N, C-alpha and C. Protein backbone atom coordinates (compact mmCIF):
# COMPACT_ATOMS: atom_id res chain seq x y z
N UNK A 1 9.97 -4.59 11.64
CA UNK A 1 8.90 -3.72 12.06
C UNK A 1 8.83 -2.49 11.16
N UNK A 2 10.00 -1.94 10.83
CA UNK A 2 10.03 -0.74 10.01
C UNK A 2 9.40 -0.98 8.64
N UNK A 3 9.79 -2.07 7.99
CA UNK A 3 9.26 -2.33 6.65
C UNK A 3 7.78 -2.68 6.69
N UNK A 4 7.34 -3.36 7.74
CA UNK A 4 5.92 -3.69 7.87
C UNK A 4 5.07 -2.43 8.01
N UNK A 5 5.63 -1.39 8.57
CA UNK A 5 4.92 -0.12 8.68
C UNK A 5 5.14 0.77 7.46
N UNK A 6 6.36 0.79 6.94
CA UNK A 6 6.71 1.72 5.87
C UNK A 6 6.09 1.35 4.52
N UNK A 7 6.03 0.07 4.20
CA UNK A 7 5.51 -0.33 2.89
C UNK A 7 4.04 0.06 2.72
N UNK A 8 3.14 -0.26 3.65
CA UNK A 8 1.75 0.19 3.46
C UNK A 8 1.61 1.71 3.44
N UNK A 9 2.41 2.40 4.25
CA UNK A 9 2.35 3.86 4.25
C UNK A 9 2.82 4.44 2.92
N UNK A 10 3.91 3.89 2.37
CA UNK A 10 4.41 4.37 1.08
C UNK A 10 3.40 4.11 -0.03
N UNK A 11 2.76 2.95 0.00
CA UNK A 11 1.74 2.64 -1.01
C UNK A 11 0.52 3.54 -0.85
N UNK A 12 0.18 3.88 0.39
CA UNK A 12 -0.94 4.79 0.62
C UNK A 12 -0.62 6.20 0.11
N UNK A 13 0.60 6.65 0.34
CA UNK A 13 1.01 7.97 -0.17
C UNK A 13 0.99 7.97 -1.69
N UNK A 14 1.45 6.89 -2.31
CA UNK A 14 1.44 6.79 -3.77
C UNK A 14 0.01 6.78 -4.31
N UNK A 15 -0.88 6.10 -3.61
CA UNK A 15 -2.28 6.04 -4.04
C UNK A 15 -2.99 7.38 -3.87
N UNK A 16 -2.49 8.20 -2.95
CA UNK A 16 -3.12 9.49 -2.67
C UNK A 16 -2.53 10.64 -3.47
N UNK A 17 -1.79 10.35 -4.52
CA UNK A 17 -1.16 11.43 -5.29
C UNK A 17 -2.18 12.33 -5.98
N UNK A 18 -3.37 11.83 -6.23
CA UNK A 18 -4.41 12.69 -6.80
C UNK A 18 -4.99 13.64 -5.75
N UNK A 19 -4.65 13.41 -4.48
CA UNK A 19 -5.02 14.31 -3.38
C UNK A 19 -3.74 14.70 -2.65
N UNK A 20 -2.99 15.64 -3.17
CA UNK A 20 -1.67 15.94 -2.62
C UNK A 20 -1.68 16.40 -1.17
N UNK A 21 -2.76 17.06 -0.74
CA UNK A 21 -2.80 17.52 0.66
C UNK A 21 -2.85 16.33 1.62
N UNK A 22 -3.62 15.32 1.26
CA UNK A 22 -3.69 14.12 2.11
C UNK A 22 -2.38 13.36 2.11
N UNK A 23 -1.76 13.26 0.94
CA UNK A 23 -0.48 12.54 0.83
C UNK A 23 0.59 13.24 1.68
N UNK A 24 0.68 14.56 1.54
CA UNK A 24 1.67 15.30 2.33
C UNK A 24 1.36 15.25 3.82
N UNK A 25 0.09 15.26 4.18
CA UNK A 25 -0.31 15.17 5.58
C UNK A 25 0.06 13.84 6.20
N UNK A 26 -0.14 12.75 5.44
CA UNK A 26 0.23 11.43 5.93
C UNK A 26 1.75 11.33 6.13
N UNK A 27 2.49 11.85 5.16
CA UNK A 27 3.95 11.85 5.30
C UNK A 27 4.39 12.70 6.50
N UNK A 28 3.77 13.85 6.68
CA UNK A 28 4.15 14.75 7.77
C UNK A 28 3.93 14.10 9.13
N UNK A 29 2.85 13.34 9.29
CA UNK A 29 2.58 12.66 10.55
C UNK A 29 3.69 11.65 10.84
N UNK A 30 4.13 10.93 9.82
CA UNK A 30 5.20 9.94 10.01
C UNK A 30 6.52 10.64 10.34
N UNK A 31 6.79 11.75 9.69
CA UNK A 31 8.06 12.45 9.91
C UNK A 31 8.14 13.10 11.29
N UNK A 32 7.02 13.23 11.98
CA UNK A 32 7.03 13.79 13.33
C UNK A 32 7.81 12.92 14.31
N UNK A 33 7.95 11.64 14.02
CA UNK A 33 8.69 10.77 14.94
C UNK A 33 10.17 11.14 15.02
N UNK A 34 10.68 11.87 14.03
CA UNK A 34 12.07 12.33 14.08
C UNK A 34 12.25 13.35 15.21
N UNK A 35 11.19 14.07 15.53
CA UNK A 35 11.27 15.10 16.56
C UNK A 35 11.17 14.53 17.98
N UNK A 36 10.95 13.23 18.08
CA UNK A 36 10.78 12.61 19.39
C UNK A 36 11.98 11.74 19.71
N UNK A 37 12.40 11.77 20.94
CA UNK A 37 13.52 10.97 21.39
C UNK A 37 13.07 9.53 21.65
N UNK A 38 13.88 8.55 21.24
CA UNK A 38 13.53 7.17 21.57
C UNK A 38 13.50 6.92 23.08
N UNK A 39 14.31 7.65 23.80
CA UNK A 39 14.32 7.51 25.26
C UNK A 39 12.99 7.99 25.86
N UNK A 40 12.42 9.05 25.30
CA UNK A 40 11.13 9.56 25.79
C UNK A 40 10.04 8.54 25.48
N UNK A 41 10.04 7.99 24.28
CA UNK A 41 9.05 6.97 23.93
C UNK A 41 9.23 5.75 24.82
N UNK A 42 10.48 5.33 25.00
CA UNK A 42 10.75 4.18 25.86
C UNK A 42 10.31 4.41 27.29
N UNK A 43 10.53 5.61 27.81
CA UNK A 43 10.10 5.93 29.17
C UNK A 43 8.59 5.87 29.29
N UNK A 44 7.90 6.41 28.31
CA UNK A 44 6.44 6.35 28.31
C UNK A 44 5.93 4.92 28.26
N UNK A 45 6.53 4.11 27.41
CA UNK A 45 6.13 2.70 27.33
C UNK A 45 6.46 1.96 28.62
N UNK A 46 7.59 2.29 29.22
CA UNK A 46 7.96 1.67 30.50
C UNK A 46 6.91 1.98 31.56
N UNK A 47 6.50 3.24 31.63
CA UNK A 47 5.49 3.64 32.61
C UNK A 47 4.14 2.98 32.35
N UNK A 48 3.81 2.76 31.08
CA UNK A 48 2.56 2.09 30.75
C UNK A 48 2.61 0.59 31.03
N UNK A 49 3.76 -0.02 30.74
CA UNK A 49 3.89 -1.47 30.86
C UNK A 49 4.13 -1.92 32.30
N UNK A 50 4.86 -1.13 33.07
CA UNK A 50 5.29 -1.54 34.41
C UNK A 50 4.16 -2.07 35.30
N UNK A 51 3.00 -1.40 35.37
CA UNK A 51 1.93 -1.94 36.23
C UNK A 51 1.29 -3.22 35.69
N UNK A 52 1.44 -3.46 34.38
CA UNK A 52 0.74 -4.58 33.76
C UNK A 52 1.59 -5.82 33.58
N UNK A 53 2.88 -5.64 33.33
CA UNK A 53 3.74 -6.79 33.01
C UNK A 53 5.17 -6.48 33.44
N UNK A 54 6.01 -7.50 33.38
CA UNK A 54 7.42 -7.33 33.70
C UNK A 54 8.13 -6.67 32.52
N UNK A 55 8.66 -5.46 32.70
CA UNK A 55 9.32 -4.77 31.58
C UNK A 55 10.52 -5.54 31.03
N UNK A 56 11.21 -6.28 31.86
CA UNK A 56 12.38 -7.04 31.39
C UNK A 56 11.95 -8.10 30.39
N UNK A 57 10.80 -8.73 30.61
CA UNK A 57 10.31 -9.76 29.70
C UNK A 57 9.93 -9.18 28.34
N UNK A 58 9.59 -7.91 28.31
CA UNK A 58 9.18 -7.26 27.06
C UNK A 58 10.27 -6.38 26.46
N UNK A 59 11.49 -6.52 26.93
CA UNK A 59 12.58 -5.65 26.49
C UNK A 59 12.80 -5.71 24.98
N UNK A 60 12.92 -6.89 24.42
CA UNK A 60 13.20 -7.00 22.98
C UNK A 60 12.03 -6.56 22.11
N UNK A 61 10.79 -6.98 22.39
CA UNK A 61 9.69 -6.48 21.54
C UNK A 61 9.51 -4.96 21.60
N UNK A 62 9.65 -4.39 22.79
CA UNK A 62 9.49 -2.94 22.92
C UNK A 62 10.64 -2.22 22.20
N UNK A 63 11.85 -2.74 22.34
CA UNK A 63 12.99 -2.14 21.64
C UNK A 63 12.80 -2.22 20.14
N UNK A 64 12.34 -3.36 19.64
CA UNK A 64 12.10 -3.51 18.20
C UNK A 64 11.01 -2.55 17.73
N UNK A 65 9.97 -2.41 18.51
CA UNK A 65 8.87 -1.50 18.14
C UNK A 65 9.35 -0.05 18.10
N UNK A 66 10.04 0.38 19.12
CA UNK A 66 10.52 1.77 19.16
C UNK A 66 11.53 2.03 18.05
N UNK A 67 12.46 1.10 17.83
CA UNK A 67 13.42 1.28 16.74
C UNK A 67 12.73 1.29 15.39
N UNK A 68 11.70 0.48 15.24
CA UNK A 68 10.95 0.48 13.99
C UNK A 68 10.27 1.81 13.72
N UNK A 69 9.68 2.37 14.76
CA UNK A 69 9.01 3.67 14.61
C UNK A 69 10.04 4.78 14.36
N UNK A 70 11.17 4.71 15.04
CA UNK A 70 12.19 5.75 14.85
C UNK A 70 12.84 5.67 13.47
N UNK A 71 12.91 4.49 12.88
CA UNK A 71 13.49 4.33 11.54
C UNK A 71 12.48 4.59 10.43
N UNK A 72 11.22 4.66 10.79
CA UNK A 72 10.14 4.79 9.81
C UNK A 72 10.29 6.00 8.87
N UNK A 73 10.62 7.19 9.35
CA UNK A 73 10.74 8.32 8.42
C UNK A 73 11.83 8.10 7.36
N UNK A 74 12.93 7.46 7.75
CA UNK A 74 14.02 7.22 6.80
C UNK A 74 13.60 6.18 5.77
N UNK A 75 12.91 5.15 6.22
CA UNK A 75 12.43 4.12 5.30
C UNK A 75 11.38 4.70 4.36
N UNK A 76 10.50 5.51 4.89
CA UNK A 76 9.46 6.12 4.05
C UNK A 76 10.08 7.04 3.01
N UNK A 77 11.12 7.77 3.39
CA UNK A 77 11.79 8.66 2.45
C UNK A 77 12.46 7.88 1.31
N UNK A 78 12.86 6.65 1.58
CA UNK A 78 13.45 5.80 0.54
C UNK A 78 12.38 5.15 -0.34
N UNK A 79 11.22 4.85 0.23
CA UNK A 79 10.20 4.10 -0.50
C UNK A 79 9.21 4.96 -1.28
N UNK A 80 8.85 6.11 -0.76
CA UNK A 80 7.79 6.91 -1.39
C UNK A 80 8.11 7.30 -2.83
N UNK A 81 9.30 7.82 -3.14
CA UNK A 81 9.55 8.19 -4.54
C UNK A 81 9.40 7.01 -5.51
N UNK A 82 9.89 5.84 -5.12
CA UNK A 82 9.78 4.67 -5.99
C UNK A 82 8.32 4.22 -6.12
N UNK A 83 7.57 4.28 -5.03
CA UNK A 83 6.16 3.89 -5.08
C UNK A 83 5.35 4.86 -5.93
N UNK A 84 5.62 6.15 -5.80
CA UNK A 84 4.92 7.16 -6.60
C UNK A 84 5.25 6.99 -8.08
N UNK A 85 6.53 6.77 -8.39
CA UNK A 85 6.93 6.59 -9.79
C UNK A 85 6.30 5.33 -10.38
N UNK A 86 6.28 4.25 -9.62
CA UNK A 86 5.68 3.01 -10.10
C UNK A 86 4.20 3.20 -10.38
N UNK A 87 3.51 3.86 -9.50
CA UNK A 87 2.08 4.08 -9.69
C UNK A 87 1.81 5.01 -10.87
N UNK A 88 2.63 6.05 -11.01
CA UNK A 88 2.43 6.99 -12.11
C UNK A 88 2.73 6.34 -13.46
N UNK A 89 3.78 5.54 -13.51
CA UNK A 89 4.19 4.93 -14.78
C UNK A 89 3.36 3.73 -15.18
N UNK A 90 3.08 2.87 -14.22
CA UNK A 90 2.46 1.59 -14.56
C UNK A 90 1.04 1.44 -14.01
N UNK A 91 0.59 2.36 -13.17
CA UNK A 91 -0.74 2.27 -12.59
C UNK A 91 -1.87 2.22 -13.60
N UNK A 92 -1.88 3.15 -14.58
CA UNK A 92 -2.97 3.09 -15.57
C UNK A 92 -3.00 1.78 -16.37
N UNK A 93 -1.83 1.28 -16.72
CA UNK A 93 -1.78 0.01 -17.45
C UNK A 93 -2.29 -1.13 -16.57
N UNK A 94 -1.87 -1.14 -15.31
CA UNK A 94 -2.33 -2.18 -14.39
C UNK A 94 -3.85 -2.09 -14.18
N UNK A 95 -4.36 -0.87 -14.11
CA UNK A 95 -5.80 -0.70 -13.97
C UNK A 95 -6.53 -1.23 -15.20
N UNK A 96 -6.01 -0.95 -16.38
CA UNK A 96 -6.67 -1.41 -17.61
C UNK A 96 -6.61 -2.93 -17.75
N UNK A 97 -5.59 -3.54 -17.14
CA UNK A 97 -5.48 -5.01 -17.17
C UNK A 97 -6.25 -5.67 -16.03
N UNK A 98 -6.79 -4.86 -15.14
CA UNK A 98 -7.57 -5.40 -14.03
C UNK A 98 -6.72 -5.95 -12.90
N UNK A 99 -5.47 -5.50 -12.81
CA UNK A 99 -4.60 -5.96 -11.72
C UNK A 99 -4.97 -5.22 -10.43
N UNK A 100 -5.32 -5.98 -9.41
CA UNK A 100 -5.67 -5.38 -8.13
C UNK A 100 -5.14 -6.24 -7.00
N UNK A 101 -5.13 -5.68 -5.81
CA UNK A 101 -4.82 -6.42 -4.60
C UNK A 101 -3.44 -7.05 -4.57
N UNK A 102 -3.41 -8.27 -4.07
CA UNK A 102 -2.14 -8.98 -3.88
C UNK A 102 -1.45 -9.28 -5.20
N UNK A 103 -2.24 -9.54 -6.24
CA UNK A 103 -1.64 -9.82 -7.55
C UNK A 103 -0.88 -8.60 -8.06
N UNK A 104 -1.47 -7.44 -7.93
CA UNK A 104 -0.80 -6.20 -8.35
C UNK A 104 0.44 -5.93 -7.51
N UNK A 105 0.32 -6.15 -6.21
CA UNK A 105 1.45 -5.94 -5.32
C UNK A 105 2.61 -6.87 -5.67
N UNK A 106 2.30 -8.15 -5.89
CA UNK A 106 3.33 -9.14 -6.17
C UNK A 106 3.95 -8.97 -7.56
N UNK A 107 3.13 -8.68 -8.57
CA UNK A 107 3.63 -8.63 -9.94
C UNK A 107 4.15 -7.27 -10.37
N UNK A 108 3.60 -6.21 -9.85
CA UNK A 108 3.96 -4.87 -10.31
C UNK A 108 4.79 -4.10 -9.28
N UNK A 109 4.29 -3.99 -8.08
CA UNK A 109 4.88 -3.07 -7.11
C UNK A 109 6.15 -3.61 -6.47
N UNK A 110 6.11 -4.80 -5.94
CA UNK A 110 7.26 -5.32 -5.19
C UNK A 110 8.54 -5.43 -6.02
N UNK A 111 8.49 -5.89 -7.27
CA UNK A 111 9.74 -5.92 -8.04
C UNK A 111 10.36 -4.53 -8.23
N UNK A 112 9.54 -3.50 -8.33
CA UNK A 112 10.06 -2.16 -8.53
C UNK A 112 10.47 -1.48 -7.23
N UNK A 113 10.05 -2.03 -6.11
CA UNK A 113 10.43 -1.48 -4.81
C UNK A 113 11.52 -2.30 -4.13
N UNK A 114 12.07 -3.27 -4.84
CA UNK A 114 13.06 -4.15 -4.21
C UNK A 114 14.30 -3.39 -3.73
N UNK A 115 14.86 -2.54 -4.58
CA UNK A 115 16.04 -1.77 -4.17
C UNK A 115 15.75 -0.84 -2.99
N UNK A 116 14.70 -0.02 -3.08
CA UNK A 116 14.44 0.85 -1.92
C UNK A 116 14.08 0.08 -0.65
N UNK A 117 13.45 -1.08 -0.79
CA UNK A 117 13.15 -1.89 0.39
C UNK A 117 14.44 -2.40 1.03
N UNK A 118 15.39 -2.84 0.22
CA UNK A 118 16.68 -3.29 0.75
C UNK A 118 17.42 -2.15 1.44
N UNK A 119 17.39 -0.97 0.82
CA UNK A 119 18.05 0.18 1.41
C UNK A 119 17.36 0.59 2.72
N UNK A 120 16.03 0.58 2.73
CA UNK A 120 15.29 0.92 3.95
C UNK A 120 15.57 -0.08 5.07
N UNK A 121 15.64 -1.35 4.73
CA UNK A 121 15.97 -2.37 5.73
C UNK A 121 17.39 -2.16 6.26
N UNK A 122 18.30 -1.81 5.36
CA UNK A 122 19.69 -1.56 5.77
C UNK A 122 19.78 -0.36 6.71
N UNK A 123 19.07 0.71 6.39
CA UNK A 123 19.05 1.88 7.27
C UNK A 123 18.47 1.53 8.64
N UNK A 124 17.36 0.82 8.64
CA UNK A 124 16.72 0.45 9.90
C UNK A 124 17.64 -0.42 10.75
N UNK A 125 18.32 -1.35 10.11
CA UNK A 125 19.23 -2.23 10.86
C UNK A 125 20.40 -1.44 11.43
N UNK A 126 20.98 -0.57 10.62
CA UNK A 126 22.12 0.21 11.10
C UNK A 126 21.72 1.15 12.23
N UNK A 127 20.56 1.77 12.12
CA UNK A 127 20.10 2.65 13.19
C UNK A 127 19.77 1.87 14.46
N UNK A 128 19.22 0.69 14.31
CA UNK A 128 18.84 -0.11 15.47
C UNK A 128 20.04 -0.72 16.17
N UNK A 129 21.10 -0.97 15.44
CA UNK A 129 22.29 -1.58 16.04
C UNK A 129 22.87 -0.70 17.15
N UNK A 130 22.77 0.59 17.01
CA UNK A 130 23.39 1.48 17.97
C UNK A 130 22.45 2.03 19.02
N UNK A 131 21.22 1.52 19.09
CA UNK A 131 20.24 2.05 20.03
C UNK A 131 20.63 1.75 21.47
N UNK A 132 20.59 2.76 22.27
CA UNK A 132 20.90 2.61 23.68
C UNK A 132 19.73 3.01 24.57
N UNK A 133 18.88 3.90 24.09
CA UNK A 133 17.86 4.49 24.93
C UNK A 133 16.86 3.53 25.52
N UNK A 134 16.18 2.75 24.70
CA UNK A 134 15.09 1.92 25.18
C UNK A 134 15.62 0.73 25.97
N UNK A 135 16.65 0.10 25.46
CA UNK A 135 17.15 -1.11 26.11
C UNK A 135 17.74 -0.78 27.49
N UNK A 136 18.22 0.43 27.67
CA UNK A 136 18.75 0.82 28.99
C UNK A 136 17.66 0.83 30.05
N UNK A 137 16.42 1.13 29.65
CA UNK A 137 15.30 1.13 30.59
C UNK A 137 14.77 -0.27 30.87
N UNK A 138 14.74 -1.11 29.83
CA UNK A 138 14.06 -2.39 29.93
C UNK A 138 15.00 -3.57 30.19
N UNK A 139 16.29 -3.40 30.02
CA UNK A 139 17.22 -4.54 30.05
C UNK A 139 17.37 -5.14 31.44
N UNK A 140 17.60 -6.43 31.44
CA UNK A 140 17.95 -7.15 32.66
C UNK A 140 19.37 -6.72 33.03
N UNK A 141 19.65 -6.44 34.30
CA UNK A 141 21.00 -6.00 34.69
C UNK A 141 22.10 -7.00 34.35
N UNK A 142 21.75 -8.28 34.23
CA UNK A 142 22.77 -9.28 33.92
C UNK A 142 22.98 -9.48 32.43
N UNK A 143 22.08 -8.96 31.62
CA UNK A 143 22.19 -9.09 30.16
C UNK A 143 22.28 -7.70 29.55
N UNK A 144 22.88 -7.64 28.36
CA UNK A 144 23.02 -6.33 27.72
C UNK A 144 23.18 -6.49 26.22
N UNK A 145 22.74 -5.47 25.50
CA UNK A 145 23.04 -5.39 24.08
C UNK A 145 24.45 -4.81 23.95
N UNK A 146 24.99 -4.85 22.76
CA UNK A 146 26.34 -4.30 22.57
C UNK A 146 26.44 -2.82 22.92
N UNK A 147 25.50 -1.96 22.51
CA UNK A 147 25.61 -0.55 22.91
C UNK A 147 25.55 -0.36 24.43
N UNK A 148 24.69 -1.13 25.10
CA UNK A 148 24.60 -1.00 26.55
C UNK A 148 25.87 -1.52 27.21
N UNK A 149 26.40 -2.62 26.70
CA UNK A 149 27.65 -3.16 27.25
C UNK A 149 28.79 -2.16 27.02
N UNK A 150 28.82 -1.53 25.85
CA UNK A 150 29.82 -0.51 25.56
C UNK A 150 29.70 0.65 26.55
N UNK A 151 28.49 1.09 26.79
CA UNK A 151 28.26 2.18 27.73
C UNK A 151 28.74 1.79 29.14
N UNK A 152 28.43 0.57 29.55
CA UNK A 152 28.84 0.11 30.88
C UNK A 152 30.37 0.04 30.99
N UNK A 153 31.03 -0.40 29.93
CA UNK A 153 32.49 -0.46 29.94
C UNK A 153 33.09 0.94 30.02
N UNK A 154 32.53 1.86 29.25
CA UNK A 154 33.03 3.24 29.27
C UNK A 154 32.77 3.90 30.63
N UNK A 155 31.61 3.62 31.24
CA UNK A 155 31.29 4.20 32.55
C UNK A 155 32.23 3.69 33.63
N UNK A 156 32.75 2.48 33.44
CA UNK A 156 33.68 1.90 34.42
C UNK A 156 35.14 2.20 34.06
N UNK A 157 35.37 3.08 33.10
CA UNK A 157 36.71 3.48 32.65
C UNK A 157 37.55 2.29 32.18
N UNK A 158 36.89 1.33 31.53
CA UNK A 158 37.60 0.20 30.93
C UNK A 158 37.70 0.47 29.44
N UNK A 159 38.71 1.22 29.06
CA UNK A 159 38.80 1.65 27.66
C UNK A 159 39.18 0.50 26.72
N UNK A 160 39.96 -0.45 27.16
CA UNK A 160 40.35 -1.58 26.31
C UNK A 160 39.15 -2.40 25.85
N UNK A 161 38.35 -2.93 26.79
CA UNK A 161 37.15 -3.66 26.38
C UNK A 161 36.16 -2.78 25.62
N UNK A 162 36.05 -1.52 26.01
CA UNK A 162 35.13 -0.61 25.32
C UNK A 162 35.54 -0.42 23.86
N UNK A 163 36.84 -0.30 23.60
CA UNK A 163 37.31 -0.16 22.22
C UNK A 163 37.01 -1.41 21.40
N UNK A 164 37.19 -2.57 22.02
CA UNK A 164 36.88 -3.82 21.32
C UNK A 164 35.40 -3.94 20.99
N UNK A 165 34.55 -3.59 21.95
CA UNK A 165 33.10 -3.64 21.72
C UNK A 165 32.69 -2.63 20.66
N UNK A 166 33.29 -1.44 20.69
CA UNK A 166 32.97 -0.42 19.69
C UNK A 166 33.37 -0.89 18.30
N UNK A 167 34.52 -1.52 18.18
CA UNK A 167 34.96 -2.04 16.88
C UNK A 167 34.02 -3.15 16.40
N UNK A 168 33.63 -4.04 17.29
CA UNK A 168 32.69 -5.11 16.93
C UNK A 168 31.34 -4.54 16.51
N UNK A 169 30.86 -3.55 17.24
CA UNK A 169 29.58 -2.91 16.92
C UNK A 169 29.65 -2.23 15.56
N UNK A 170 30.75 -1.55 15.29
CA UNK A 170 30.92 -0.90 13.99
C UNK A 170 30.94 -1.94 12.87
N UNK A 171 31.69 -3.02 13.06
CA UNK A 171 31.78 -4.06 12.03
C UNK A 171 30.42 -4.71 11.79
N UNK A 172 29.69 -5.00 12.85
CA UNK A 172 28.37 -5.61 12.70
C UNK A 172 27.38 -4.66 12.02
N UNK A 173 27.45 -3.38 12.36
CA UNK A 173 26.56 -2.41 11.73
C UNK A 173 26.85 -2.28 10.25
N UNK A 174 28.11 -2.18 9.91
CA UNK A 174 28.48 -2.09 8.49
C UNK A 174 28.09 -3.35 7.73
N UNK A 175 28.31 -4.51 8.35
CA UNK A 175 27.97 -5.78 7.69
C UNK A 175 26.46 -5.89 7.48
N UNK A 176 25.67 -5.53 8.50
CA UNK A 176 24.22 -5.59 8.37
C UNK A 176 23.74 -4.65 7.28
N UNK A 177 24.28 -3.43 7.25
CA UNK A 177 23.89 -2.48 6.22
C UNK A 177 24.24 -3.00 4.84
N UNK A 178 25.45 -3.48 4.67
CA UNK A 178 25.89 -3.95 3.36
C UNK A 178 25.07 -5.15 2.90
N UNK A 179 24.84 -6.12 3.78
CA UNK A 179 24.09 -7.32 3.39
C UNK A 179 22.65 -6.99 3.00
N UNK A 180 21.99 -6.17 3.77
CA UNK A 180 20.60 -5.84 3.46
C UNK A 180 20.48 -4.97 2.22
N UNK A 181 21.36 -4.00 2.09
CA UNK A 181 21.33 -3.16 0.90
C UNK A 181 21.67 -3.98 -0.34
N UNK A 182 22.66 -4.82 -0.24
CA UNK A 182 23.06 -5.69 -1.36
C UNK A 182 21.95 -6.68 -1.70
N UNK A 183 21.28 -7.20 -0.67
CA UNK A 183 20.19 -8.14 -0.90
C UNK A 183 19.05 -7.53 -1.69
N UNK A 184 18.81 -6.24 -1.52
CA UNK A 184 17.77 -5.57 -2.29
C UNK A 184 18.17 -5.32 -3.73
N UNK A 185 19.45 -5.36 -4.02
CA UNK A 185 19.94 -5.10 -5.37
C UNK A 185 20.09 -6.35 -6.22
N UNK A 186 20.18 -7.52 -5.56
CA UNK A 186 20.37 -8.77 -6.30
C UNK A 186 19.13 -9.05 -7.15
N UNK A 187 19.33 -9.20 -8.42
CA UNK A 187 18.26 -9.49 -9.40
C UNK A 187 17.17 -8.42 -9.42
N UNK A 188 17.48 -7.21 -8.98
CA UNK A 188 16.47 -6.15 -8.99
C UNK A 188 16.19 -5.65 -10.39
N UNK A 189 17.14 -5.80 -11.29
CA UNK A 189 16.95 -5.33 -12.66
C UNK A 189 16.29 -6.38 -13.55
N UNK A 190 16.13 -7.59 -13.04
CA UNK A 190 15.57 -8.67 -13.87
C UNK A 190 14.10 -8.50 -14.09
């Protein structure tokens, strides 16, 4: 979700460099999500969804959406400099060659954004692994994510299982970050 939102926004900011006020304004709107708590967003979505559908059935999509929005400023911060540099360096040449649309994106932009995309995906995954706010509102009482299970173990003063879950969560977060970041670097210089 994060990359699906961040990539078009980064490309829009890069395209708006000739209008710096618009580019900065677009970035500022995205960065406002840092000032909002995921729990507040989750509570608002819960209140909106509850009369219309079963919140438990929508737990994973809502959690993914909220985590995607909360990770968006970090992903955008990783992507915008590379997108701006790519457009500044290669944009005029691509324009003179008539490269537009999907062809330009596939041949020019995406190869140069591979590293920042991998890093942005790694950040989003690591941040999402530890999310407790939204899933605590929407989760089925019999099912839990690792952070929620960790919280439940700690609330019940079961330090042994809580330590094991915390170690597993740390290992999975580090592995997800390393794999996604490394995946963006493989053949990025080719």
